[in-house]
Amino acid sequence: SNHGRHEEVEEVRIPARTAHSLFDELGLTHI
């Protein structure tokens, strides 16, 4: 709505990660 769009919005629950938990899950220290 802050972009001037006022259509209906759906709220969905999505599995959450932080940058750290994502990188660790992927086995990354060098990106």
Full PDB file with SEQRES, HELIX, SHEET, SSBOND, CRYST1, ORIGX, SCALE, CONECT and MASTER records, all heavy atoms in Angstrom:
SEQRES   1 A   31  SER ASN HIS GLY ARG HIS GLU GLU VAL GLU GLU VAL ARG          
SEQRES   2 A   31  ILE PRO ALA ARG THR ALA HIS SER LEU PHE ASP GLU LEU          
SEQRES   3 A   31  GLY LEU THR HIS ILE                                          
HELIX    1 AA1 ALA A   19  LEU A   26  1                                   8    
CRYST1    1.000    1.000    1.000  90.00  90.00  90.00 P 1           1          
ORIGX1      1.000000  0.000000  0.000000        0.00000                         
ORIGX2      0.000000  1.000000  0.000000        0.00000                         
ORIGX3      0.000000  0.000000  1.000000        0.00000                         
SCALE1      1.000000  0.000000  0.000000        0.00000                         
SCALE2      0.000000  1.000000  0.000000        0.00000                         
SCALE3      0.000000  0.000000  1.000000        0.00000                         
ATOM      1  N   SER A   1       0.830  -1.211   0.000  1.00  0.00           N  
ATOM      2  CA  SER A   1       0.000   0.000   0.000  1.00  0.00           C  
ATOM      3  C   SER A   1       0.863   1.259   0.000  1.00  0.00           C  
ATOM      4  O   SER A   1       0.454   2.304  -0.533  1.00  0.00           O  
ATOM      5  CB  SER A   1      -0.944   0.005   1.203  1.00  0.00           C  
ATOM      6  OG  SER A   1      -0.222   0.010   2.419  1.00  0.00           O  
ATOM      7  N   ASN A   2       2.054   1.196   0.567  1.00  0.00           N  
ATOM      8  CA  ASN A   2       2.956   2.342   0.533  1.00  0.00           C  
ATOM      9  C   ASN A   2       3.450   2.660  -0.870  1.00  0.00           C  
ATOM     10  O   ASN A   2       3.976   3.744  -1.118  1.00  0.00           O  
ATOM     11  CB  ASN A   2       4.156   2.111   1.453  1.00  0.00           C  
ATOM     12  CG  ASN A   2       3.784   2.157   2.916  1.00  0.00           C  
ATOM     13  OD1 ASN A   2       2.767   2.728   3.294  1.00  0.00           O  
ATOM     14  ND2 ASN A   2       4.608   1.542   3.762  1.00  0.00           N  
ATOM     15  N   HIS A   3       3.277   1.706  -1.779  1.00  0.00           N  
ATOM     16  CA  HIS A   3       3.594   1.921  -3.191  1.00  0.00           C  
ATOM     17  C   HIS A   3       2.351   2.334  -3.988  1.00  0.00           C  
ATOM     18  O   HIS A   3       2.374   2.334  -5.219  1.00  0.00           O  
ATOM     19  CB  HIS A   3       4.200   0.649  -3.800  1.00  0.00           C  
ATOM     20  CG  HIS A   3       5.634   0.423  -3.441  1.00  0.00           C  
ATOM     21  ND1 HIS A   3       6.041  -0.026  -2.211  1.00  0.00           N  
ATOM     22  CD2 HIS A   3       6.779   0.613  -4.164  1.00  0.00           C  
ATOM     23  CE1 HIS A   3       7.367  -0.138  -2.198  1.00  0.00           C  
ATOM     24  NE2 HIS A   3       7.834   0.248  -3.355  1.00  0.00           N  
ATOM     25  N   GLY A   4       1.283   2.645  -3.279  1.00  0.00           N  
ATOM     26  CA  GLY A   4       0.066   3.083  -3.954  1.00  0.00           C  
ATOM     27  C   GLY A   4      -0.792   1.967  -4.495  1.00  0.00           C  
ATOM     28  O   GLY A   4      -1.711   2.203  -5.277  1.00  0.00           O  
ATOM     29  N   ARG A   5      -0.534   0.747  -4.043  1.00  0.00           N  
ATOM     30  CA  ARG A   5      -1.331  -0.397  -4.492  1.00  0.00           C  
ATOM     31  C   ARG A   5      -2.167  -0.894  -3.321  1.00  0.00           C  
ATOM     32  O   ARG A   5      -1.639  -1.168  -2.254  1.00  0.00           O  
ATOM     33  CB  ARG A   5      -0.409  -1.505  -5.021  1.00  0.00           C  
ATOM     34  CG  ARG A   5       0.376  -1.069  -6.250  1.00  0.00           C  
ATOM     35  CD  ARG A   5       1.231  -2.167  -6.815  1.00  0.00           C  
ATOM     36  NE  ARG A   5       0.499  -3.379  -7.088  1.00  0.00           N  
ATOM     37  CZ  ARG A   5       0.957  -4.383  -7.832  1.00  0.00           C  
ATOM     38  NH1 ARG A   5       2.161  -4.278  -8.395  1.00  0.00           N  
ATOM     39  NH2 ARG A   5       0.247  -5.466  -8.020  1.00  0.00           N  
ATOM     40  N   HIS A   6      -3.455  -0.996  -3.548  1.00  0.00           N  
ATOM     41  CA  HIS A   6      -4.382  -1.275  -2.446  1.00  0.00           C  
ATOM     42  C   HIS A   6      -5.231  -2.522  -2.698  1.00  0.00           C  
ATOM     43  O   HIS A   6      -6.315  -2.652  -2.158  1.00  0.00           O  
ATOM     44  CB  HIS A   6      -5.277  -0.061  -2.208  1.00  0.00           C  
ATOM     45  CG  HIS A   6      -4.501   1.187  -1.907  1.00  0.00           C  
ATOM     46  ND1 HIS A   6      -3.894   1.416  -0.690  1.00  0.00           N  
ATOM     47  CD2 HIS A   6      -4.199   2.250  -2.695  1.00  0.00           C  
ATOM     48  CE1 HIS A   6      -3.279   2.579  -0.718  1.00  0.00           C  
ATOM     49  NE2 HIS A   6      -3.443   3.118  -1.919  1.00  0.00           N  
ATOM     50  N   GLU A   7      -4.702  -3.457  -3.511  1.00  0.00           N  
ATOM     51  CA  GLU A   7      -5.444  -4.687  -3.753  1.00  0.00           C  
ATOM     52  C   GLU A   7      -5.354  -5.617  -2.543  1.00  0.00           C  
ATOM     53  O   GLU A   7      -4.580  -5.380  -1.608  1.00  0.00           O  
ATOM     54  CB  GLU A   7      -4.929  -5.403  -5.006  1.00  0.00           C  
ATOM     55  CG  GLU A   7      -3.475  -5.838  -4.936  1.00  0.00           C  
ATOM     56  CD  GLU A   7      -2.563  -4.893  -5.676  1.00  0.00           C  
ATOM     57  OE1 GLU A   7      -2.705  -3.669  -5.502  1.00  0.00           O  
ATOM     58  OE2 GLU A   7      -1.700  -5.370  -6.417  1.00  0.00           O  
ATOM     59  N   GLU A   8      -6.136  -6.681  -2.591  1.00  0.00           N  
ATOM     60  CA  GLU A   8      -6.186  -7.615  -1.471  1.00  0.00           C  
ATOM     61  C   GLU A   8      -4.850  -8.340  -1.316  1.00  0.00           C  
ATOM     62  O   GLU A   8      -4.240  -8.784  -2.287  1.00  0.00           O  
ATOM     63  CB  GLU A   8      -7.312  -8.634  -1.691  1.00  0.00           C  
ATOM     64  CG  GLU A   8      -7.546  -9.542  -0.499  1.00  0.00           C  
ATOM     65  CD  GLU A   8      -8.720 -10.477  -0.717  1.00  0.00           C  
ATOM     66  OE1 GLU A   8      -9.342 -10.422  -1.801  1.00  0.00           O  
ATOM     67  OE2 GLU A   8      -8.999 -11.271   0.192  1.00  0.00           O  
ATOM     68  N   VAL A   9      -4.399  -8.459  -0.076  1.00  0.00           N  
ATOM     69  CA  VAL A   9      -3.120  -9.085   0.225  1.00  0.00           C  
ATOM     70  C   VAL A   9      -3.356 -10.376   1.002  1.00  0.00           C  
ATOM     71  O   VAL A   9      -4.201 -10.436   1.903  1.00  0.00           O  
ATOM     72  CB  VAL A   9      -2.230  -8.131   1.050  1.00  0.00           C  
ATOM     73  CG1 VAL A   9      -0.968  -8.846   1.520  1.00  0.00           C  
ATOM     74  CG2 VAL A   9      -1.864  -6.908   0.231  1.00  0.00           C  
ATOM     75  N   GLU A  10      -2.619 -11.408   0.636  1.00  0.00           N  
ATOM     76  CA  GLU A  10      -2.698 -12.684   1.344  1.00  0.00           C  
ATOM     77  C   GLU A  10      -1.525 -12.814   2.300  1.00  0.00           C  
ATOM     78  O   GLU A  10      -0.375 -12.564   1.928  1.00  0.00           O  
ATOM     79  CB  GLU A  10      -2.672 -13.840   0.339  1.00  0.00           C  
ATOM     80  CG  GLU A  10      -2.737 -15.215   1.001  1.00  0.00           C  
ATOM     81  CD  GLU A  10      -2.665 -16.346  -0.007  1.00  0.00           C  
ATOM     82  OE1 GLU A  10      -2.385 -16.088  -1.195  1.00  0.00           O  
ATOM     83  OE2 GLU A  10      -2.892 -17.495   0.417  1.00  0.00           O  
ATOM     84  N   GLU A  11      -1.811 -13.195   3.531  1.00  0.00           N  
ATOM     85  CA  GLU A  11      -0.763 -13.446   4.514  1.00  0.00           C  
ATOM     86  C   GLU A  11      -0.456 -14.942   4.540  1.00  0.00           C  
ATOM     87  O   GLU A  11      -1.352 -15.764   4.748  1.00  0.00           O  
ATOM     88  CB  GLU A  11      -1.200 -12.984   5.900  1.00  0.00           C  
ATOM     89  CG  GLU A  11      -0.191 -13.275   6.993  1.00  0.00           C  
ATOM     90  CD  GLU A  11      -0.695 -12.899   8.381  1.00  0.00           C  
ATOM     91  OE1 GLU A  11      -1.764 -12.266   8.475  1.00  0.00           O  
ATOM     92  OE2 GLU A  11      -0.018 -13.241   9.379  1.00  0.00           O  
ATOM     93  N   VAL A  12       0.798 -15.296   4.330  1.00  0.00           N  
ATOM     94  CA  VAL A  12       1.209 -16.697   4.359  1.00  0.00           C  
ATOM     95  C   VAL A  12       2.351 -16.847   5.356  1.00  0.00           C  
ATOM     96  O   VAL A  12       3.134 -15.919   5.568  1.00  0.00           O  
ATOM     97  CB  VAL A  12       1.642 -17.206   2.967  1.00  0.00           C  
ATOM     98  CG1 VAL A  12       0.469 -17.192   2.005  1.00  0.00           C  
ATOM     99  CG2 VAL A  12       2.782 -16.360   2.409  1.00  0.00           C  
ATOM    100  N   ARG A  13       2.428 -17.999   5.979  1.00  0.00           N  
ATOM    101  CA  ARG A  13       3.522 -18.291   6.914  1.00  0.00           C  
ATOM    102  C   ARG A  13       4.607 -19.069   6.171  1.00  0.00           C  
ATOM    103  O   ARG A  13       4.329 -20.081   5.520  1.00  0.00           O  
ATOM    104  CB  ARG A  13       3.022 -19.094   8.101  1.00  0.00           C  
ATOM    105  CG  ARG A  13       2.008 -18.388   8.971  1.00  0.00           C  
ATOM    106  CD  ARG A  13       2.577 -17.198   9.720  1.00  0.00           C  
ATOM    107  NE  ARG A  13       3.585 -17.574  10.721  1.00  0.00           N  
ATOM    108  CZ  ARG A  13       4.147 -16.681  11.543  1.00  0.00           C  
ATOM    109  NH1 ARG A  13       3.830 -15.386  11.469  1.00  0.00           N  
ATOM    110  NH2 ARG A  13       5.047 -17.083  12.432  1.00  0.00           N  
ATOM    111  N   ILE A  14       5.828 -18.574   6.282  1.00  0.00           N  
ATOM    112  CA  ILE A  14       6.955 -19.135   5.545  1.00  0.00           C  
ATOM    113  C   ILE A  14       8.060 -19.508   6.532  1.00  0.00           C  
ATOM    114  O   ILE A  14       8.332 -18.757   7.476  1.00  0.00           O  
ATOM    115  CB  ILE A  14       7.494 -18.108   4.518  1.00  0.00           C  
ATOM    116  CG1 ILE A  14       6.374 -17.666   3.552  1.00  0.00           C  
ATOM    117  CG2 ILE A  14       8.673 -18.686   3.746  1.00  0.00           C  
ATOM    118  CD1 ILE A  14       5.826 -18.761   2.679  1.00  0.00           C  
ATOM    119  N   PRO A  15       8.718 -20.653   6.351  1.00  0.00           N  
ATOM    120  CA  PRO A  15       9.849 -21.002   7.219  1.00  0.00           C  
ATOM    121  C   PRO A  15      10.877 -19.879   7.250  1.00  0.00           C  
ATOM    122  O   PRO A  15      11.210 -19.302   6.210  1.00  0.00           O  
ATOM    123  CB  PRO A  15      10.429 -22.262   6.562  1.00  0.00           C  
ATOM    124  CG  PRO A  15       9.283 -22.849   5.802  1.00  0.00           C  
ATOM    125  CD  PRO A  15       8.464 -21.691   5.320  1.00  0.00           C  
ATOM    126  N   ALA A  16      11.363 -19.568   8.446  1.00  0.00           N  
ATOM    127  CA  ALA A  16      12.249 -18.414   8.628  1.00  0.00           C  
ATOM    128  C   ALA A  16      13.707 -18.833   8.757  1.00  0.00           C  
ATOM    129  O   ALA A  16      14.018 -19.892   9.298  1.00  0.00           O  
ATOM    130  CB  ALA A  16      11.827 -17.636   9.865  1.00  0.00           C  
ATOM    131  N   ARG A  17      14.568 -17.971   8.272  1.00  0.00           N  
ATOM    132  CA  ARG A  17      16.014 -18.103   8.462  1.00  0.00           C  
ATOM    133  C   ARG A  17      16.595 -16.715   8.701  1.00  0.00           C  
ATOM    134  O   ARG A  17      16.041 -15.712   8.252  1.00  0.00           O  
ATOM    135  CB  ARG A  17      16.697 -18.715   7.221  1.00  0.00           C  
ATOM    136  CG  ARG A  17      16.284 -20.142   6.891  1.00  0.00           C  
ATOM    137  CD  ARG A  17      16.781 -21.130   7.913  1.00  0.00           C  
ATOM    138  NE  ARG A  17      16.524 -22.503   7.518  1.00  0.00           N  
ATOM    139  CZ  ARG A  17      15.375 -23.154   7.744  1.00  0.00           C  
ATOM    140  NH1 ARG A  17      14.369 -22.535   8.347  1.00  0.00           N  
ATOM    141  NH2 ARG A  17      15.243 -24.403   7.361  1.00  0.00           N  
ATOM    142  N   THR A  18      17.711 -16.667   9.410  1.00  0.00           N  
ATOM    143  CA  THR A  18      18.542 -15.471   9.424  1.00  0.00           C  
ATOM    144  C   THR A  18      19.627 -15.668   8.368  1.00  0.00           C  
ATOM    145  O   THR A  18      19.801 -16.781   7.838  1.00  0.00           O  
ATOM    146  CB  THR A  18      19.192 -15.250  10.785  1.00  0.00           C  
ATOM    147  OG1 THR A  18      20.045 -16.378  11.073  1.00  0.00           O  
ATOM    148  CG2 THR A  18      18.143 -15.102  11.888  1.00  0.00           C  
ATOM    149  N   ALA A  19      20.387 -14.627   8.090  1.00  0.00           N  
ATOM    150  CA  ALA A  19      21.515 -14.797   7.173  1.00  0.00           C  
ATOM    151  C   ALA A  19      22.469 -15.854   7.710  1.00  0.00           C  
ATOM    152  O   ALA A  19      22.934 -16.732   6.968  1.00  0.00           O  
ATOM    153  CB  ALA A  19      22.231 -13.472   6.974  1.00  0.00           C  
ATOM    154  N   HIS A  20      22.736 -15.826   9.023  1.00  0.00           N  
ATOM    155  CA  HIS A  20      23.667 -16.782   9.626  1.00  0.00           C  
ATOM    156  C   HIS A  20      23.153 -18.216   9.520  1.00  0.00           C  
ATOM    157  O   HIS A  20      23.895 -19.130   9.121  1.00  0.00           O  
ATOM    158  CB  HIS A  20      23.900 -16.440  11.093  1.00  0.00           C  
ATOM    159  CG  HIS A  20      24.844 -15.299  11.291  1.00  0.00           C  
ATOM    160  ND1 HIS A  20      25.476 -15.052  12.478  1.00  0.00           N  
ATOM    161  CD2 HIS A  20      25.258 -14.332  10.435  1.00  0.00           C  
ATOM    162  CE1 HIS A  20      26.247 -13.980  12.356  1.00  0.00           C  
ATOM    163  NE2 HIS A  20      26.121 -13.519  11.128  1.00  0.00           N  
ATOM    164  N   SER A  21      21.893 -18.430   9.878  1.00  0.00           N  
ATOM    165  CA  SER A  21      21.372 -19.798   9.844  1.00  0.00           C  
ATOM    166  C   SER A  21      21.284 -20.309   8.409  1.00  0.00           C  
ATOM    167  O   SER A  21      21.488 -21.501   8.153  1.00  0.00           O  
ATOM    168  CB  SER A  21      20.012 -19.885  10.547  1.00  0.00           C  
ATOM    169  OG  SER A  21      19.015 -19.155   9.868  1.00  0.00           O  
ATOM    170  N   LEU A  22      21.012 -19.404   7.471  1.00  0.00           N  
ATOM    171  CA  LEU A  22      20.993 -19.791   6.062  1.00  0.00           C  
ATOM    172  C   LEU A  22      22.385 -20.186   5.597  1.00  0.00           C  
ATOM    173  O   LEU A  22      22.578 -21.273   5.023  1.00  0.00           O  
ATOM    174  CB  LEU A  22      20.466 -18.633   5.210  1.00  0.00           C  
ATOM    175  CG  LEU A  22      20.500 -18.853   3.697  1.00  0.00           C  
ATOM    176  CD1 LEU A  22      19.539 -19.964   3.288  1.00  0.00           C  
ATOM    177  CD2 LEU A  22      20.182 -17.558   2.958  1.00  0.00           C  
ATOM    178  N   PHE A  23      23.371 -19.332   5.849  1.00  0.00           N  
ATOM    179  CA  PHE A  23      24.737 -19.642   5.418  1.00  0.00           C  
ATOM    180  C   PHE A  23      25.237 -20.929   6.065  1.00  0.00           C  
ATOM    181  O   PHE A  23      25.885 -21.757   5.408  1.00  0.00           O  
ATOM    182  CB  PHE A  23      25.688 -18.495   5.774  1.00  0.00           C  
ATOM    183  CG  PHE A  23      25.377 -17.181   5.112  1.00  0.00           C  
ATOM    184  CD1 PHE A  23      25.829 -15.990   5.664  1.00  0.00           C  
ATOM    185  CD2 PHE A  23      24.625 -17.117   3.947  1.00  0.00           C  
ATOM    186  CE1 PHE A  23      25.556 -14.772   5.064  1.00  0.00           C  
ATOM    187  CE2 PHE A  23      24.332 -15.903   3.337  1.00  0.00           C  
ATOM    188  CZ  PHE A  23      24.797 -14.719   3.908  1.00  0.00           C  
ATOM    189  N   ASP A  24      24.937 -21.106   7.349  1.00  0.00           N  
ATOM    190  CA  ASP A  24      25.394 -22.306   8.048  1.00  0.00           C  
ATOM    191  C   ASP A  24      24.723 -23.557   7.488  1.00  0.00           C  
ATOM    192  O   ASP A  24      25.365 -24.606   7.328  1.00  0.00           O  
ATOM    193  CB  ASP A  24      25.120 -22.186   9.543  1.00  0.00           C  
ATOM    194  CG  ASP A  24      25.986 -21.121  10.212  1.00  0.00           C  
ATOM    195  OD1 ASP A  24      26.941 -20.639   9.579  1.00  0.00           O  
ATOM    196  OD2 ASP A  24      25.682 -20.753  11.364  1.00  0.00           O  
ATOM    197  N   GLU A  25      23.441 -23.453   7.196  1.00  0.00           N  
ATOM    198  CA  GLU A  25      22.714 -24.588   6.613  1.00  0.00           C  
ATOM    199  C   GLU A  25      23.318 -24.987   5.268  1.00  0.00           C  
ATOM    200  O   GLU A  25      23.389 -26.174   4.929  1.00  0.00           O  
ATOM    201  CB  GLU A  25      21.242 -24.216   6.439  1.00  0.00           C  
ATOM    202  CG  GLU A  25      20.391 -25.298   5.800  1.00  0.00           C  
ATOM    203  CD  GLU A  25      18.935 -24.878   5.662  1.00  0.00           C  
ATOM    204  OE1 GLU A  25      18.424 -24.175   6.562  1.00  0.00           O  
ATOM    205  OE2 GLU A  25      18.305 -25.245   4.646  1.00  0.00           O  
ATOM    206  N   LEU A  26      23.768 -23.992   4.513  1.00  0.00           N  
ATOM    207  CA  LEU A  26      24.329 -24.250   3.188  1.00  0.00           C  
ATOM    208  C   LEU A  26      25.818 -24.589   3.254  1.00  0.00           C  
ATOM    209  O   LEU A  26      26.425 -24.896   2.226  1.00  0.00           O  
ATOM    210  CB  LEU A  26      24.113 -23.027   2.285  1.00  0.00           C  
ATOM    211  CG  LEU A  26      22.651 -22.622   2.066  1.00  0.00           C  
ATOM    212  CD1 LEU A  26      22.568 -21.358   1.213  1.00  0.00           C  
ATOM    213  CD2 LEU A  26      21.863 -23.757   1.420  1.00  0.00           C  
ATOM    214  N   GLY A  27      26.405 -24.516   4.452  1.00  0.00           N  
ATOM    215  CA  GLY A  27      27.817 -24.834   4.619  1.00  0.00           C  
ATOM    216  C   GLY A  27      28.743 -23.784   4.036  1.00  0.00           C  
ATOM    217  O   GLY A  27      29.826 -24.107   3.542  1.00  0.00           O  
ATOM    218  N   LEU A  28      28.334 -22.522   4.115  1.00  0.00           N  
ATOM    219  CA  LEU A  28      29.089 -21.439   3.491  1.00  0.00           C  
ATOM    220  C   LEU A  28      29.761 -20.543   4.533  1.00  0.00           C  
ATOM    221  O   LEU A  28      29.122 -20.107   5.482  1.00  0.00           O  
ATOM    222  CB  LEU A  28      28.160 -20.567   2.635  1.00  0.00           C  
ATOM    223  CG  LEU A  28      27.416 -21.253   1.483  1.00  0.00           C  
ATOM    224  CD1 LEU A  28      26.478 -20.264   0.820  1.00  0.00           C  
ATOM    225  CD2 LEU A  28      28.397 -21.830   0.473  1.00  0.00           C  
ATOM    226  N   THR A  29      31.026 -20.278   4.347  1.00  0.00           N  
ATOM    227  CA  THR A  29      31.703 -19.194   5.065  1.00  0.00           C  
ATOM    228  C   THR A  29      32.285 -18.188   4.076  1.00  0.00           C  
ATOM    229  O   THR A  29      32.592 -17.057   4.442  1.00  0.00           O  
ATOM    230  CB  THR A  29      32.840 -19.725   5.965  1.00  0.00           C  
ATOM    231  OG1 THR A  29      33.748 -20.493   5.174  1.00  0.00           O  
ATOM    232  CG2 THR A  29      32.271 -20.581   7.088  1.00  0.00           C  
ATOM    233  N   HIS A  30      32.448 -18.600   2.838  1.00  0.00           N  
ATOM    234  CA  HIS A  30      32.951 -17.728   1.768  1.00  0.00           C  
ATOM    235  C   HIS A  30      31.831 -17.581   0.735  1.00  0.00           C  
ATOM    236  O   HIS A  30      31.479 -18.539   0.053  1.00  0.00           O  
ATOM    237  CB  HIS A  30      34.203 -18.345   1.141  1.00  0.00           C  
ATOM    238  CG  HIS A  30      34.885 -17.469   0.131  1.00  0.00           C  
ATOM    239  ND1 HIS A  30      36.251 -17.414   0.015  1.00  0.00           N  
ATOM    240  CD2 HIS A  30      34.396 -16.612  -0.803  1.00  0.00           C  
ATOM    241  CE1 HIS A  30      36.574 -16.564  -0.945  1.00  0.00           C  
ATOM    242  NE2 HIS A  30      35.459 -16.077  -1.459  1.00  0.00           N  
ATOM    243  N   ILE A  31      31.272 -16.391   0.643  1.00  0.00           N  
ATOM    244  CA  ILE A  31      30.216 -16.092  -0.328  1.00  0.00           C  
ATOM    245  C   ILE A  31      30.776 -15.052  -1.279  1.00  0.00           C  
ATOM    246  O   ILE A  31      30.995 -13.897  -0.893  1.00  0.00           O  
ATOM    247  CB  ILE A  31      28.935 -15.578   0.364  1.00  0.00           C  
ATOM    248  CG1 ILE A  31      28.370 -16.653   1.302  1.00  0.00           C  
ATOM    249  CG2 ILE A  31      27.885 -15.173  -0.658  1.00  0.00           C  
ATOM    250  CD1 ILE A  31      28.390 -16.275   2.732  1.00  0.00           C  
TER     251      ILE A  31                                                      
MASTER        0    0    0    1    0    0    0    6  250    1    0    3          
END                                                                             
